[in-house]
Amino acid sequence: MAADHLSVTFAALADPTRRAILARLAQGEASVTELAKPFELSLPGVSKHLKVLQRAGLITQSRNAQWRPCRLEGGRLKEASEWVGEYRRFWDESFERLDEVLQDLIQKEKNSDDHQGDQDHAEN
């Protein structure tokens, strides 16, 4: 089930307009009209993006008289972040191992150069 949530979440996050909407909502709740302002989209166009974000569980929209504020919901973003974090750890560990190998090679090269320098000095 979590993988299905992740698929829907990442599909919603794939669109730059939806990511920008989420960035705006991270600053606080906003109406559809407020969310539409920075984009060259109609209100129905923004509403379609909001529906995708709602289906993904990334936002909620409540009703307060005529005002229907949208709010960011962090749960699904947290799930996605944790999933990405697992792979981040893998790459961090891989880069740490690579760094260790490179440091060993550098040290061996340095020792080899020092040894070669000692031989050259002994021959003179």
Protein backbone atom coordinates (compact mmCIF):
# COMPACT_ATOMS: atom_id res chain seq x y z
CA MET A 1 0.00 0.00 0.00
CA ALA A 2 2.84 2.41 0.83
CA ALA A 3 4.28 1.91 -2.66
CA ASP A 4 0.93 2.92 -4.14
CA HIS A 5 0.97 6.08 -2.02
CA LEU A 6 4.50 6.75 -3.19
CA SER A 7 3.55 6.33 -6.84
CA VAL A 8 0.68 8.77 -6.51
CA THR A 9 2.84 11.19 -4.49
CA PHE A 10 5.72 11.17 -6.96
CA ALA A 11 3.31 11.49 -9.91
CA ALA A 12 1.81 14.58 -8.27
CA LEU A 13 5.27 15.99 -7.55
CA ALA A 14 6.38 15.44 -11.15
CA ASP A 15 4.69 18.65 -12.30
CA PRO A 16 6.55 21.93 -11.64
CA THR A 17 3.31 23.88 -11.17
CA ARG A 18 2.18 21.50 -8.44
CA ARG A 19 5.59 21.71 -6.76
CA ALA A 20 5.31 25.52 -6.82
CA ILE A 21 1.83 25.30 -5.30
CA LEU A 22 3.21 23.11 -2.51
CA ALA A 23 6.05 25.57 -1.95
CA ARG A 24 3.50 28.37 -1.58
CA LEU A 25 1.37 26.31 0.80
CA ALA A 26 4.45 25.59 2.92
CA GLN A 27 4.25 29.29 3.83
CA GLY A 28 0.64 28.99 4.99
CA GLU A 29 -2.87 28.29 3.78
CA ALA A 30 -4.17 29.99 0.66
CA SER A 31 -7.29 30.16 -1.48
CA VAL A 32 -7.47 28.90 -5.05
CA THR A 33 -7.44 32.52 -6.24
CA GLU A 34 -4.29 33.26 -4.23
CA LEU A 35 -2.62 30.12 -5.56
CA ALA A 36 -3.53 31.00 -9.16
CA LYS A 37 -1.95 34.49 -9.05
CA PRO A 38 1.67 33.55 -9.84
CA PHE A 39 0.69 31.26 -12.72
CA GLU A 40 -0.72 31.94 -16.15
CA LEU A 41 -3.53 29.50 -15.47
CA SER A 42 -7.26 29.85 -15.16
CA LEU A 43 -8.93 29.07 -11.85
CA PRO A 44 -10.23 25.77 -13.30
CA GLY A 45 -6.67 24.95 -14.39
CA VAL A 46 -5.33 25.54 -10.90
CA SER A 47 -8.27 23.58 -9.47
CA LYS A 48 -7.24 20.56 -11.57
CA HIS A 49 -3.74 20.72 -10.09
CA LEU A 50 -5.23 21.02 -6.61
CA LYS A 51 -7.37 17.93 -7.18
CA VAL A 52 -4.25 15.94 -8.12
CA LEU A 53 -2.51 17.17 -4.97
CA GLN A 54 -5.59 16.30 -2.88
CA ARG A 55 -5.82 12.79 -4.34
CA ALA A 56 -2.15 12.32 -3.47
CA GLY A 57 -2.88 13.40 0.10
CA LEU A 58 -0.45 16.32 -0.18
CA ILE A 59 -3.02 19.03 0.55
CA THR A 60 -6.44 19.43 2.11
CA GLN A 61 -9.09 21.96 1.26
CA SER A 62 -11.63 23.01 3.85
CA ARG A 63 -14.71 25.16 3.61
CA ASN A 64 -15.05 28.29 5.70
CA ALA A 65 -18.17 30.09 4.45
CA GLN A 66 -17.23 31.20 0.91
CA TRP A 67 -13.51 30.80 1.52
CA ARG A 68 -12.02 27.37 0.79
CA PRO A 69 -8.45 27.48 2.07
CA CYS A 70 -5.93 24.90 0.95
CA ARG A 71 -3.38 23.56 3.43
CA LEU A 72 -0.24 21.51 3.02
CA GLU A 73 -0.39 18.02 4.54
CA GLY A 74 3.07 16.80 5.45
CA GLY A 75 2.42 13.08 5.98
CA ARG A 76 2.82 11.94 2.38
CA LEU A 77 5.78 14.26 1.82
CA LYS A 78 7.40 12.68 4.87
CA GLU A 79 6.82 9.19 3.43
CA ALA A 80 8.40 10.24 0.13
CA SER A 81 11.31 11.88 1.93
CA GLU A 82 11.93 8.74 3.98
CA TRP A 83 11.88 6.61 0.83
CA VAL A 84 14.39 8.90 -0.87
CA GLY A 85 16.41 8.94 2.37
CA GLU A 86 16.93 5.18 2.14
CA TYR A 87 18.62 5.63 -1.21
CA ARG A 88 20.52 8.69 0.00
CA ARG A 89 22.06 6.50 2.72
CA PHE A 90 23.02 3.93 0.09
CA TRP A 91 24.78 6.55 -2.01
CA ASP A 92 26.41 8.21 0.99
CA GLU A 93 27.83 4.85 2.07
CA SER A 94 28.98 4.13 -1.49
CA PHE A 95 30.73 7.50 -1.71
CA GLU A 96 32.35 6.95 1.69
CA ARG A 97 33.74 3.60 0.52
CA LEU A 98 34.94 5.20 -2.71
CA ASP A 99 36.63 7.95 -0.71
CA GLU A 100 38.40 5.33 1.43
CA VAL A 101 39.64 3.51 -1.69
CA LEU A 102 40.87 6.76 -3.22
CA GLN A 103 42.65 7.75 -0.01
CA ASP A 104 44.35 4.31 0.08
CA LEU A 105 45.45 4.72 -3.54
CA ILE A 106 46.78 8.22 -2.86
CA GLN A 107 48.68 6.97 0.19
CA LYS A 108 50.14 4.02 -1.77
CA GLU A 109 51.20 6.36 -4.56
CA LYS A 110 52.79 8.72 -2.06
CA ASN A 111 54.62 5.84 -0.37
CA SER A 112 55.76 4.57 -3.77
CA ASP A 113 57.02 8.05 -4.71
CA ASP A 114 58.81 8.36 -1.35
CA HIS A 115 60.39 4.93 -1.82
CA GLN A 116 61.45 5.82 -5.40
CA GLY A 117 62.93 9.08 -4.11
CA ASP A 118 64.95 7.16 -1.49
CA GLN A 119 66.31 4.83 -4.19
CA ASP A 120 67.24 7.76 -6.44
CA HIS A 121 69.00 9.46 -3.53
CA ALA A 122 70.92 6.25 -2.63
CA GLU A 123 72.14 5.87 -6.23
CA ASN A 124 73.64 9.39 -6.24
